[in-house]
Amino acid sequence: MSRILVIAHGHPEISTGGAEIAAWRQVEELRRRGHDVLFMARAPGTGAHCGTPFSTWGSDVLFHSPDYDHFLHSQRAKWAVYNHFHGLLERFKPDVVHFHHFVFLGLEMIREVRNFDAAIPIVLTLHEYLAICKHHGQMVTVDGRLCHGATPAKCNACFPEYAPQRFYLRDVFIKSFLNVVDSFICPSRFLLERYAAWGLPREKLHHIANGLPDPEPTDAEAPPDRHRRIAFFGQISDLKGVFVFLDAIRAVPKARREGLIFEIYGTAQHQDDDLKSRFAAAVAARGDDVRYYGPYRQADLANLMGRVGWVVVPSIWWENAPLVIQEAFANRCPVICSDIGGMAEQVTHGVDGLHFMAGNAGDLARQFAAADDPALHARLQAGIRPPATIAQSALDHLALYESIALHRLGRSQAARQRILIPPCGGSNPPAPTRKKK
C-alpha cells in the first residue's frame, strides 16, 4: 500500500469543473484499491482556521489560499507553503505527490515537496495551458482568435500592461519550478505536443486518458425521437461556445428546426453579470426553439444524457480532453464538436460524431440539419467505442509512480556509491598526506 498525496485546485463538492472531477475520481479509485490517499484541494476564502490556512472536509483537506499571484502562479504567503504545507508533508509522509494543478495553490508547493524529500516522485497533470498562456490558459487571444504559440511579443499584444520582458521572465520563473517535476500527465496528445513545443522535455510527458467510473444503473427511457434531441452540457461561458450553439439554432432553416429539440444544461454561476445577462437574452430570443434546464448534478448526468440523441461541444478554444465527450460516449450519444484541439482528437468525424468549423455557427447549423436523420444517428452510435475506465487509468498512474520511484532510487543509490565506494577498489580511502613545512 502506498501513501499518495493528491492535490487539486478545487474540491468537486465545491467546484464542479472537469479537472476537479478527474482528480476526485482518481482519488476514489486509488482508495478503493487499498492505497492511503490524502486529497488536498484549494477552497475559496482566505480566512485562517486557528492560525492555519487548512481546514477539513470529511476525510479531505482544504487549502484556503492566502495571497495568490495570478501572473506568476506564485503563492505570495510563503509561510503557508514553507511552514504549514511542509507540516502537512511531515505528518502524512507521502510516497508520491500528484498535483492536478498549481493554480490558486502556488508553484512553490512543487519545490517544497522536493525540498522535503528528494526521493519522492512528483507528478503533475496538465489540464490546460496555464503555464504557457496568461489568458486563463486557453491559448485564445483577448479578441477571440486562436493562438498557435505563445511568445513574449504575442503575449504583450494581448496584455500591453505587461512588457515583453516580463513575459520572458514569467516563462523562466514557471519553468524553474516545473523542472522539479518528474513526469507530466497529458490527458490528450494534442496538449502533450503543445507543451513539448513550449519546451517541456518530451521524455517527461506521458499520455494517460482521464478515466470514467463504471456506469451507474439508469432509469432513463430513450424517447422514440431521441435522434432529434440535441443538448449542450457544461459551463455557460463564451469559451465553451454556448453562444455559438444558440446562434446556430437560429441559423437552422425554420422548416428543419421545427423537428429538432435543443436543450442546455449548465450553470453561469462563476460568470460575471454581463455574461449572465447576454445568455438570458440569447435564450429568450430563441423562444420555444431551446429549453434551458439550469445546473445539473453529476449523479444525474447519465439519466439526462440517456434521453438526448446528440451532445454538442462547441468550445472556441483548443480544449484538452473534455470529460463531457467521454460521458456522452459512455451514454451512447454521438458528439457534434469543434474541429480543433482535444475535441477533434477524441471525436472522429463520420465515425462516432461530427465536426464543424470552430466558432462558425452556420457550419454548426448544417450539422444540426444533418443530425435529423435516424440512420446517421444509428450509424454513428454504432461507431462509439467505450471510453477509458477509471480502473485502467489508475493502473497506468500506479505504473508511472513505480517507474519514477525506481528511477529515483537508482539515482540516489548511484549518488551514495560515488561518495562511499573508495577509488581503485580499495576497502578504505587512502589517508591524506600532510606536506612538511
Protein backbone atom coordinates (compact mmCIF):
# COMPACT_ATOMS: atom_id res chain seq x y z
CA MET A 1 0.00 0.00 0.00
CA SER A 2 1.28 3.46 -0.93
CA ARG A 3 0.70 6.81 0.74
CA ILE A 4 -0.35 9.15 -2.06
CA LEU A 5 -0.99 12.87 -1.71
CA VAL A 6 -3.26 14.19 -4.50
CA ILE A 7 -3.53 17.96 -4.81
CA ALA A 8 -6.13 19.81 -6.88
CA HIS A 9 -7.27 23.40 -7.31
CA GLY A 10 -10.80 22.60 -6.19
CA HIS A 11 -12.97 20.00 -4.49
CA PRO A 12 -15.74 18.60 -6.73
CA GLU A 13 -18.29 19.07 -3.96
CA ILE A 14 -17.48 22.79 -4.02
CA SER A 15 -16.35 23.40 -7.61
CA THR A 16 -17.61 21.11 -10.38
CA GLY A 17 -15.02 21.63 -13.12
CA GLY A 18 -13.68 18.78 -15.21
CA ALA A 19 -10.19 18.82 -13.66
CA GLU A 20 -11.61 18.63 -10.13
CA ILE A 21 -13.83 15.70 -11.11
CA ALA A 22 -10.93 13.88 -12.82
CA ALA A 23 -8.75 14.30 -9.71
CA TRP A 24 -11.51 13.11 -7.37
CA ARG A 25 -12.28 10.03 -9.46
CA GLN A 26 -8.62 9.09 -9.32
CA VAL A 27 -8.62 9.51 -5.52
CA GLU A 28 -11.71 7.33 -5.13
CA GLU A 29 -10.29 4.56 -7.32
CA LEU A 30 -6.91 4.55 -5.57
CA ARG A 31 -8.64 4.38 -2.19
CA ARG A 32 -10.81 1.53 -3.46
CA ARG A 33 -7.62 -0.32 -4.33
CA GLY A 34 -6.38 -0.01 -0.74
CA HIS A 35 -3.96 2.90 -1.03
CA ASP A 36 -3.77 5.54 1.68
CA VAL A 37 -4.72 8.67 -0.26
CA LEU A 38 -4.96 12.19 1.15
CA PHE A 39 -6.85 14.62 -1.09
CA MET A 40 -5.88 18.27 -0.65
CA ALA A 41 -7.97 20.81 -2.56
CA ARG A 42 -7.92 24.56 -2.72
CA ALA A 43 -11.11 26.15 -1.43
CA PRO A 44 -12.41 29.69 -1.88
CA GLY A 45 -11.96 32.09 1.01
CA THR A 46 -8.79 33.23 2.70
CA GLY A 47 -9.84 33.15 6.33
CA ALA A 48 -7.38 31.49 8.71
CA HIS A 49 -8.54 28.44 10.65
CA CYS A 50 -6.95 28.53 14.09
CA GLY A 51 -3.87 30.14 12.57
CA THR A 52 -3.55 27.73 9.66
CA PRO A 53 -4.63 28.00 6.01
CA PHE A 54 -6.01 24.45 6.23
CA SER A 55 -9.42 23.12 7.17
CA THR A 56 -11.02 19.70 6.78
CA TRP A 57 -13.79 18.47 4.50
CA GLY A 58 -14.69 14.98 5.63
CA SER A 59 -11.51 12.95 5.26
CA ASP A 60 -10.04 15.54 2.85
CA VAL A 61 -8.05 18.71 3.46
CA LEU A 62 -8.93 22.17 2.11
CA PHE A 63 -6.27 24.82 1.50
CA HIS A 64 -7.52 28.41 1.76
CA SER A 65 -5.08 30.27 -0.49
CA PRO A 66 -3.96 33.38 1.41
CA ASP A 67 -2.37 35.59 -1.29
CA TYR A 68 -2.02 34.31 -4.84
CA ASP A 69 -0.20 35.95 -7.77
CA HIS A 70 -2.10 35.02 -10.95
CA PHE A 71 0.59 36.33 -13.30
CA LEU A 72 3.37 34.13 -11.94
CA HIS A 73 1.16 31.44 -10.36
CA SER A 74 3.07 32.14 -7.18
CA GLN A 75 1.88 31.89 -3.58
CA ARG A 76 2.88 35.19 -2.01
CA ALA A 77 2.14 33.89 1.50
CA LYS A 78 5.33 31.86 1.74
CA TRP A 79 4.61 30.97 5.37
CA ALA A 80 1.62 28.94 4.15
CA VAL A 81 3.94 26.85 1.98
CA TYR A 82 7.18 26.65 3.96
CA ASN A 83 5.53 26.16 7.36
CA HIS A 84 2.01 24.76 7.02
CA PHE A 85 2.25 22.78 3.78
CA HIS A 86 5.63 21.46 4.91
CA GLY A 87 3.98 20.42 8.16
CA LEU A 88 1.32 18.52 6.24
CA LEU A 89 4.07 16.66 4.37
CA GLU A 90 5.78 15.80 7.64
CA ARG A 91 2.60 14.39 9.15
CA PHE A 92 1.38 12.42 6.13
CA LYS A 93 4.82 11.36 4.81
CA PRO A 94 3.68 10.63 1.23
CA ASP A 95 5.38 8.13 -1.04
CA VAL A 96 4.07 10.04 -4.08
CA VAL A 97 2.75 13.57 -4.59
CA HIS A 98 0.45 14.08 -7.58
CA PHE A 99 -0.53 17.65 -8.44
CA HIS A 100 -3.61 18.07 -10.58
CA HIS A 101 -2.97 21.80 -10.69
CA PHE A 102 -0.93 24.64 -9.29
CA VAL A 103 -3.39 27.50 -9.93
CA PHE A 104 -4.52 29.19 -6.67
CA LEU A 105 -2.05 26.97 -4.81
CA GLY A 106 1.34 28.25 -5.93
CA LEU A 107 4.21 26.70 -7.83
CA GLU A 108 6.26 26.91 -4.63
CA MET A 109 4.44 23.82 -3.35
CA ILE A 110 6.11 21.71 -6.04
CA ARG A 111 9.58 22.74 -4.96
CA GLU A 112 8.69 22.35 -1.28
CA VAL A 113 7.90 18.67 -1.92
CA ARG A 114 11.34 18.23 -3.43
CA ASN A 115 12.95 20.10 -0.52
CA PHE A 116 11.08 17.85 1.90
CA ASP A 117 12.28 14.60 0.33
CA ALA A 118 14.44 14.37 -2.79
CA ALA A 119 13.28 10.79 -3.44
CA ILE A 120 9.51 11.43 -3.63
CA PRO A 121 8.08 11.10 -7.15
CA ILE A 122 6.35 14.33 -8.19
CA VAL A 123 3.70 14.11 -10.92
CA LEU A 124 1.71 16.97 -12.46
CA THR A 125 -1.36 16.52 -14.64
CA LEU A 126 -1.69 19.31 -17.19
CA HIS A 127 -5.37 20.14 -17.67
CA GLU A 128 -4.97 23.21 -19.90
CA TYR A 129 -2.28 25.70 -20.95
CA LEU A 130 -1.94 27.92 -17.87
CA ALA A 131 1.83 27.61 -17.73
CA ILE A 132 2.03 28.87 -21.33
CA CYS A 133 -0.84 31.36 -21.56
CA LYS A 134 -1.88 34.15 -19.19
CA HIS A 135 -5.34 34.35 -20.80
CA HIS A 136 -6.90 31.75 -18.45
CA GLY A 137 -4.67 29.08 -20.02
CA GLN A 138 -6.96 28.93 -23.06
CA MET A 139 -4.48 29.98 -25.78
CA VAL A 140 -7.08 32.32 -27.26
CA THR A 141 -6.22 35.97 -27.83
CA VAL A 142 -8.20 38.58 -25.94
CA ASP A 143 -10.04 39.39 -29.19
CA GLY A 144 -11.10 35.75 -29.63
CA ARG A 145 -8.56 34.34 -32.11
CA LEU A 146 -6.85 31.00 -31.57
CA CYS A 147 -3.21 31.32 -30.50
CA HIS A 148 -0.86 28.81 -32.13
CA GLY A 149 2.15 29.54 -29.94
CA ALA A 150 2.98 31.99 -27.16
CA THR A 151 5.91 34.40 -27.39
CA PRO A 152 6.70 37.44 -25.22
CA ALA A 153 5.71 39.74 -28.11
CA LYS A 154 2.40 37.95 -28.75
CA CYS A 155 1.53 37.88 -25.06
CA ASN A 156 2.35 41.59 -24.76
CA ALA A 157 -0.08 42.26 -27.66
CA CYS A 158 -2.85 40.65 -25.58
CA PHE A 159 -1.76 42.28 -22.32
CA PRO A 160 0.09 45.53 -23.14
CA GLU A 161 0.29 46.41 -19.43
CA TYR A 162 2.99 43.72 -19.15
CA ALA A 163 6.20 44.38 -21.11
CA PRO A 164 7.55 41.53 -23.30
CA GLN A 165 10.48 41.21 -20.88
CA ARG A 166 8.05 40.37 -18.08
CA PHE A 167 6.53 37.58 -20.14
CA TYR A 168 10.03 36.25 -20.84
CA LEU A 169 10.82 36.27 -17.12
CA ARG A 170 7.42 34.70 -16.36
CA ASP A 171 8.32 31.84 -18.68
CA VAL A 172 11.70 31.36 -16.95
CA PHE A 173 10.11 31.55 -13.49
CA ILE A 174 7.42 28.95 -14.21
CA LYS A 175 9.83 26.53 -15.91
CA SER A 176 12.21 26.75 -12.94
CA PHE A 177 9.53 25.05 -10.82
CA LEU A 178 8.30 22.65 -13.50
CA ASN A 179 11.90 21.41 -13.90
CA VAL A 180 11.47 19.79 -10.46
CA VAL A 181 8.56 17.63 -11.68
CA ASP A 182 9.44 14.03 -12.58
CA SER A 183 6.58 13.37 -15.02
CA PHE A 184 3.73 15.28 -16.60
CA ILE A 185 0.47 13.53 -17.43
CA CYS A 186 -1.30 14.80 -20.54
CA PRO A 187 -4.91 13.61 -21.00
CA SER A 188 -4.70 14.42 -24.73
CA ARG A 189 -1.91 14.03 -27.26
CA PHE A 190 -2.73 17.47 -28.61
CA LEU A 191 -1.89 19.07 -25.25
CA LEU A 192 1.24 16.91 -24.98
CA GLU A 193 2.54 18.28 -28.28
CA ARG A 194 1.78 21.86 -27.23
CA TYR A 195 3.83 21.50 -24.06
CA ALA A 196 6.66 19.75 -25.90
CA ALA A 197 6.80 22.66 -28.35
CA TRP A 198 6.84 25.06 -25.38
CA GLY A 199 9.93 23.38 -24.00
CA LEU A 200 9.00 20.66 -21.52
CA PRO A 201 11.21 17.56 -22.03
CA ARG A 202 9.33 15.12 -24.23
CA GLU A 203 10.59 12.15 -22.20
CA LYS A 204 8.76 13.55 -19.16
CA LEU A 205 5.41 13.86 -20.99
CA HIS A 206 3.05 10.88 -20.74
CA HIS A 207 -0.36 10.48 -22.34
CA ILE A 208 -2.84 8.92 -19.91
CA ALA A 209 -6.55 9.41 -20.58
CA ASN A 210 -8.88 10.51 -17.81
CA GLY A 211 -10.98 7.50 -16.88
CA LEU A 212 -14.67 7.15 -16.16
CA PRO A 213 -16.08 5.03 -13.33
CA ASP A 214 -18.34 2.10 -14.18
CA PRO A 215 -21.69 3.47 -15.35
CA GLU A 216 -24.42 3.71 -12.76
CA PRO A 217 -27.73 1.97 -13.49
CA THR A 218 -30.11 4.41 -15.15
CA ASP A 219 -33.87 4.52 -15.32
CA ALA A 220 -33.79 6.78 -18.37
CA GLU A 221 -36.01 5.58 -21.15
CA ALA A 222 -34.84 6.73 -24.55
CA PRO A 223 -37.69 8.56 -26.28
CA PRO A 224 -38.57 7.49 -29.83
CA ASP A 225 -37.42 10.89 -31.16
CA ARG A 226 -34.05 10.68 -29.38
CA HIS A 227 -32.10 11.42 -32.57
CA ARG A 228 -33.83 14.81 -32.76
CA ARG A 229 -32.76 15.92 -29.27
CA ILE A 230 -29.54 17.96 -29.27
CA ALA A 231 -28.06 19.09 -25.95
CA PHE A 232 -25.28 21.26 -24.53
CA PHE A 233 -23.82 20.25 -21.15
CA GLY A 234 -21.30 22.31 -19.22
CA GLN A 235 -20.23 25.74 -18.06
CA ILE A 236 -22.15 28.64 -19.55
CA SER A 237 -19.32 30.76 -20.97
CA ASP A 238 -18.03 32.36 -24.14
CA LEU A 239 -15.08 29.99 -24.41
CA LYS A 240 -17.30 26.92 -24.05
CA GLY A 241 -19.15 28.14 -27.16
CA VAL A 242 -22.66 28.35 -25.74
CA PHE A 243 -23.36 31.46 -27.83
CA VAL A 244 -22.16 29.66 -30.97
CA PHE A 245 -24.68 26.94 -30.07
CA LEU A 246 -27.50 29.48 -29.68
CA ASP A 247 -26.60 31.32 -32.90
CA ALA A 248 -26.53 28.01 -34.78
CA ILE A 249 -30.09 27.21 -33.64
CA ARG A 250 -31.28 30.44 -35.22
CA ALA A 251 -29.36 29.63 -38.43
CA VAL A 252 -31.13 26.28 -38.98
CA PRO A 253 -33.85 26.76 -41.63
CA LYS A 254 -37.22 27.05 -39.93
CA ALA A 255 -38.67 24.03 -41.73
CA ARG A 256 -35.85 21.84 -40.39
CA ARG A 257 -35.75 23.47 -36.97
CA GLU A 258 -39.32 22.56 -36.08
CA GLY A 259 -38.46 18.86 -35.88
CA LEU A 260 -35.47 19.36 -33.58
CA ILE A 261 -35.35 19.83 -29.80
CA PHE A 262 -32.47 21.89 -28.37
CA GLU A 263 -31.59 21.74 -24.67
CA ILE A 264 -29.00 23.42 -22.43
CA TYR A 265 -27.81 22.03 -19.09
CA GLY A 266 -25.27 24.01 -17.09
CA THR A 267 -24.61 26.98 -14.88
CA ALA A 268 -23.24 30.51 -15.27
CA GLN A 269 -22.64 30.70 -11.51
CA HIS A 270 -18.99 31.73 -11.82
CA GLN A 271 -19.51 34.23 -14.67
CA ASP A 272 -19.92 37.99 -14.46
CA ASP A 273 -23.26 39.78 -14.64
CA ASP A 274 -22.70 40.87 -18.23
CA LEU A 275 -22.41 37.29 -19.47
CA LYS A 276 -25.40 36.17 -17.42
CA SER A 277 -27.48 38.95 -18.97
CA ARG A 278 -26.30 38.14 -22.50
CA PHE A 279 -27.07 34.48 -22.01
CA ALA A 280 -30.57 35.15 -20.64
CA ALA A 281 -31.30 37.47 -23.54
CA ALA A 282 -29.99 34.99 -26.13
CA VAL A 283 -32.11 32.15 -24.69
CA ALA A 284 -35.19 34.37 -24.59
CA ALA A 285 -34.60 35.40 -28.22
CA ARG A 286 -34.73 31.74 -29.32
CA GLY A 287 -38.18 31.39 -27.78
CA ASP A 288 -39.55 27.85 -27.89
CA ASP A 289 -36.63 26.61 -30.01
CA VAL A 290 -34.42 25.99 -26.96
CA ARG A 291 -35.03 24.84 -23.40
CA TYR A 292 -32.66 25.86 -20.61
CA TYR A 293 -32.74 23.49 -17.62
CA GLY A 294 -30.08 25.12 -15.44
CA PRO A 295 -27.38 23.31 -13.44
CA TYR A 296 -27.31 19.55 -13.01
CA ARG A 297 -25.78 17.14 -10.55
CA GLN A 298 -23.07 14.80 -11.75
CA ALA A 299 -25.14 11.93 -10.37
CA ASP A 300 -27.99 12.85 -12.73
CA LEU A 301 -25.88 13.05 -15.89
CA ALA A 302 -26.49 9.50 -17.09
CA ASN A 303 -30.26 9.94 -16.87
CA LEU A 304 -30.11 13.27 -18.69
CA MET A 305 -27.85 12.04 -21.48
CA GLY A 306 -29.90 8.87 -21.83
CA ARG A 307 -32.77 10.99 -23.10
CA VAL A 308 -30.88 13.03 -25.70
CA GLY A 309 -29.54 11.91 -29.05
CA TRP A 310 -26.58 14.25 -29.57
CA VAL A 311 -24.19 16.12 -27.28
CA VAL A 312 -22.72 19.34 -28.65
CA VAL A 313 -19.25 20.56 -27.58
CA PRO A 314 -18.84 23.91 -29.37
CA SER A 315 -15.83 25.33 -27.47
CA ILE A 316 -13.90 28.05 -29.25
CA TRP A 317 -10.57 27.19 -27.57
CA TRP A 318 -8.35 24.15 -28.09
CA GLU A 319 -9.69 22.25 -25.07
CA ASN A 320 -7.71 19.31 -23.71
CA ALA A 321 -9.79 16.20 -23.09
CA PRO A 322 -13.32 17.32 -22.19
CA LEU A 323 -14.94 14.87 -19.79
CA VAL A 324 -18.30 15.67 -21.37
CA ILE A 325 -17.20 13.85 -24.54
CA GLN A 326 -16.27 10.72 -22.59
CA GLU A 327 -19.56 10.93 -20.69
CA ALA A 328 -21.51 11.30 -23.93
CA PHE A 329 -19.84 8.21 -25.38
CA ALA A 330 -20.47 6.28 -22.15
CA ASN A 331 -24.17 7.08 -22.65
CA ARG A 332 -24.19 6.17 -26.34
CA CYS A 333 -24.54 9.77 -27.58
CA PRO A 334 -22.70 10.79 -30.75
CA VAL A 335 -20.92 14.14 -30.34
CA ILE A 336 -21.01 17.23 -32.54
CA CYS A 337 -17.86 19.21 -31.72
CA SER A 338 -15.50 21.93 -32.88
CA ASP A 339 -12.83 20.66 -35.26
CA ILE A 340 -9.84 21.71 -33.12
CA GLY A 341 -7.66 20.55 -30.25
CA GLY A 342 -8.56 17.75 -27.89
CA MET A 343 -12.15 17.72 -29.14
CA ALA A 344 -11.18 16.74 -32.69
CA GLU A 345 -8.77 14.18 -31.20
CA GLN A 346 -11.50 12.45 -29.20
CA VAL A 347 -14.27 12.54 -31.83
CA THR A 348 -13.76 11.03 -35.29
CA HIS A 349 -15.86 12.78 -37.91
CA GLY A 350 -18.29 10.39 -39.56
CA VAL A 351 -17.45 7.53 -37.16
CA ASP A 352 -18.71 8.48 -33.68
CA GLY A 353 -19.70 12.10 -34.23
CA LEU A 354 -19.50 15.15 -36.44
CA HIS A 355 -17.06 18.06 -36.65
CA PHE A 356 -17.86 21.67 -37.52
CA MET A 357 -15.64 24.68 -38.06
CA ALA A 358 -14.83 26.11 -34.63
CA GLY A 359 -16.76 29.28 -33.92
CA ASN A 360 -18.79 29.01 -37.14
CA ALA A 361 -22.49 28.99 -36.23
CA GLY A 362 -23.52 28.46 -39.85
CA ASP A 363 -21.45 25.31 -40.16
CA LEU A 364 -22.81 24.02 -36.85
CA ALA A 365 -26.34 24.70 -38.13
CA ARG A 366 -25.62 22.49 -41.15
CA GLN A 367 -24.60 19.67 -38.81
CA PHE A 368 -27.80 20.17 -36.82
CA ALA A 369 -29.85 19.82 -40.00
CA ALA A 370 -27.94 16.66 -40.94
CA ALA A 371 -28.44 15.24 -37.45
CA ASP A 372 -32.19 14.89 -38.07
CA ASP A 373 -31.56 11.55 -39.71
CA PRO A 374 -32.20 8.37 -37.69
CA ALA A 375 -29.96 6.30 -39.98
CA LEU A 376 -26.99 8.67 -39.46
CA HIS A 377 -27.58 8.70 -35.71
CA ALA A 378 -27.71 4.90 -35.57
CA ARG A 379 -24.54 4.55 -37.66
CA LEU A 380 -22.54 6.99 -35.51
CA GLN A 381 -23.91 5.46 -32.32
CA ALA A 382 -22.66 2.06 -33.51
CA GLY A 383 -19.21 3.61 -34.07
CA ILE A 384 -18.80 4.71 -30.45
CA ARG A 385 -16.07 2.89 -28.55
CA PRO A 386 -16.26 2.68 -24.75
CA PRO A 387 -14.20 5.45 -23.12
CA ALA A 388 -11.23 4.73 -20.89
CA THR A 389 -12.16 3.38 -17.47
CA ILE A 390 -11.00 4.85 -14.19
CA ALA A 391 -9.69 1.39 -13.27
CA GLN A 392 -7.30 1.32 -16.24
CA SER A 393 -6.34 4.96 -15.69
CA ALA A 394 -5.46 4.20 -12.06
CA LEU A 395 -3.29 1.25 -13.11
CA ASP A 396 -1.48 3.48 -15.60
CA HIS A 397 -0.89 6.08 -12.88
CA LEU A 398 0.41 3.48 -10.42
CA ALA A 399 2.77 2.06 -13.02
CA LEU A 400 4.15 5.54 -13.67
CA TYR A 401 4.59 6.20 -9.94
CA GLU A 402 6.53 2.95 -9.56
CA SER A 403 8.71 3.69 -12.58
CA ILE A 404 9.63 7.12 -11.21
CA ALA A 405 10.30 5.72 -7.73
CA LEU A 406 12.64 3.05 -9.10
CA HIS A 407 14.43 5.61 -11.24
CA ARG A 408 14.86 7.97 -8.30
CA LEU A 409 16.00 5.13 -6.05
CA GLY A 410 18.59 4.12 -8.62
CA ARG A 411 19.85 7.67 -8.89
CA SER A 412 20.11 8.07 -5.12
CA GLN A 413 21.95 4.72 -4.76
CA ALA A 414 24.37 5.71 -7.50
CA ALA A 415 24.98 9.02 -5.75
CA ARG A 416 25.70 7.22 -2.46
CA GLN A 417 28.07 4.84 -4.23
CA ARG A 418 30.01 7.68 -5.77
CA ILE A 419 30.51 9.08 -2.28
CA LEU A 420 31.06 5.87 -0.29
CA ILE A 421 32.90 3.49 -2.64
CA PRO A 422 36.63 4.23 -2.48
CA PRO A 423 38.60 4.66 -5.70
CA CYS A 424 40.66 1.79 -7.22
CA GLY A 425 38.55 -0.81 -5.43
CA GLY A 426 40.30 -0.40 -2.07
CA SER A 427 38.50 -1.08 1.17
CA ASN A 428 39.31 2.32 2.59
CA PRO A 429 40.28 5.59 1.00
CA PRO A 430 43.96 6.45 1.34
CA ALA A 431 44.84 8.58 4.32
CA PRO A 432 45.52 12.18 3.41
CA THR A 433 49.18 13.18 3.46
CA ARG A 434 50.30 16.41 5.02
CA LYS A 435 53.01 18.43 3.40
CA LYS A 436 56.03 19.19 5.51
CA LYS A 437 56.58 22.82 6.25
